[in-house]
Amino acid sequence: MRVPVQLVGLDASGNYFEEETYTEDVSKTGALVLTRNILQIGSTIQIRAFKKFESPAKVRMIIRDHRNADYFKLGIEFDVIHDAWVIH
């Protein structure tokens, strides 16, 4: 499910970033998100959606998108399951 989201956090070099992007897949516990930023596995970022949803999420995996070398696929997991997320 493609959902527009904003990612906010620190990249692998410790630089602050804000990025408008979208999900490729969602579940009640997290999402697969496209990003241009290289992030550390285990780091925490903020994910925002729908102007009403915001949650910390842990980076669980990151791989280069084979269709577009400018992007990475980022697997994230929410700290808490939320009713306001796409799937609940």
Protein backbone atom coordinates (compact mmCIF):
# COMPACT_ATOMS: atom_id res chain seq x y z
CA MET A 1 0.00 0.00 0.00
CA ARG A 2 1.47 3.33 -1.05
CA VAL A 3 1.08 5.92 1.69
CA PRO A 4 2.77 9.35 1.62
CA VAL A 5 4.91 9.84 4.74
CA GLN A 6 7.56 12.12 6.17
CA LEU A 7 10.70 10.71 7.79
CA VAL A 8 12.63 12.77 10.33
CA GLY A 9 15.84 11.82 12.09
CA LEU A 10 19.59 11.48 11.87
CA ASP A 11 21.32 9.67 9.02
CA ALA A 12 24.25 7.26 9.43
CA SER A 13 26.67 10.22 9.54
CA GLY A 14 24.70 11.97 12.29
CA ASN A 15 23.20 14.60 9.98
CA TYR A 16 19.61 15.73 10.60
CA PHE A 17 17.17 15.08 7.73
CA GLU A 18 13.51 15.51 6.85
CA GLU A 19 12.28 13.61 3.81
CA GLU A 20 8.93 13.41 2.03
CA THR A 21 8.56 9.89 0.65
CA TYR A 22 6.11 6.98 0.61
CA THR A 23 5.65 3.43 1.79
CA GLU A 24 5.81 0.40 -0.48
CA ASP A 25 4.14 -1.86 2.07
CA VAL A 26 2.51 -1.43 5.48
CA SER A 27 1.56 -3.62 8.42
CA LYS A 28 0.10 -2.89 11.82
CA THR A 29 3.61 -3.00 13.32
CA GLY A 30 5.58 -1.04 10.71
CA ALA A 31 6.27 -0.35 7.06
CA LEU A 32 8.63 -0.67 4.14
CA VAL A 33 9.57 2.89 3.15
CA LEU A 34 11.69 4.31 0.33
CA THR A 35 14.42 6.76 1.37
CA ARG A 36 17.39 8.55 -0.16
CA ASN A 37 19.16 8.55 3.22
CA ILE A 38 21.53 5.91 4.56
CA LEU A 39 20.44 5.02 8.09
CA GLN A 40 21.90 2.78 10.78
CA ILE A 41 20.07 -0.44 11.61
CA GLY A 42 18.74 -0.07 15.15
CA SER A 43 18.48 3.72 14.98
CA THR A 44 15.19 5.46 15.78
CA ILE A 45 13.46 7.87 13.40
CA GLN A 46 10.10 9.66 13.42
CA ILE A 47 7.49 8.79 10.80
CA ARG A 48 4.59 11.15 10.12
CA ALA A 49 1.50 10.63 7.97
CA PHE A 50 -1.96 12.09 7.39
CA LYS A 51 -1.18 15.25 9.41
CA LYS A 52 -2.44 13.33 12.47
CA PHE A 53 -0.09 10.38 12.81
CA GLU A 54 3.41 10.53 14.26
CA SER A 55 5.41 7.74 15.82
CA PRO A 56 8.96 6.76 16.65
CA ALA A 57 10.10 3.73 14.69
CA LYS A 58 13.19 1.53 14.76
CA VAL A 59 15.15 0.88 11.58
CA ARG A 60 15.23 -2.92 11.19
CA MET A 61 16.72 -3.27 7.71
CA ILE A 62 18.00 -1.20 4.81
CA ILE A 63 18.77 -2.38 1.27
CA ARG A 64 19.40 -0.59 -2.03
CA ASP A 65 16.35 -0.47 -4.29
CA HIS A 66 17.29 -2.53 -7.36
CA ARG A 67 14.87 -0.52 -9.54
CA ASN A 68 16.29 2.89 -8.59
CA ALA A 69 19.86 3.15 -7.29
CA ASP A 70 19.13 6.58 -5.72
CA TYR A 71 16.84 4.98 -3.13
CA PHE A 72 17.05 2.50 -0.28
CA LYS A 73 14.25 0.32 1.04
CA LEU A 74 13.91 0.88 4.76
CA GLY A 75 12.15 -1.62 7.01
CA ILE A 76 10.81 0.12 10.12
CA GLU A 77 9.04 -1.16 13.22
CA PHE A 78 6.88 0.97 15.51
CA ASP A 79 7.68 1.06 19.21
CA VAL A 80 3.92 0.80 19.91
CA ILE A 81 0.99 -0.36 17.74
CA HIS A 82 -1.22 2.64 16.89
CA ASP A 83 -4.92 2.85 16.03
CA ALA A 84 -4.26 5.90 13.84
CA TRP A 85 -1.93 4.01 11.46
CA VAL A 86 -3.13 2.66 8.09
CA ILE A 87 -3.71 -0.86 9.42
CA HIS A 88 -4.87 -1.54 12.97
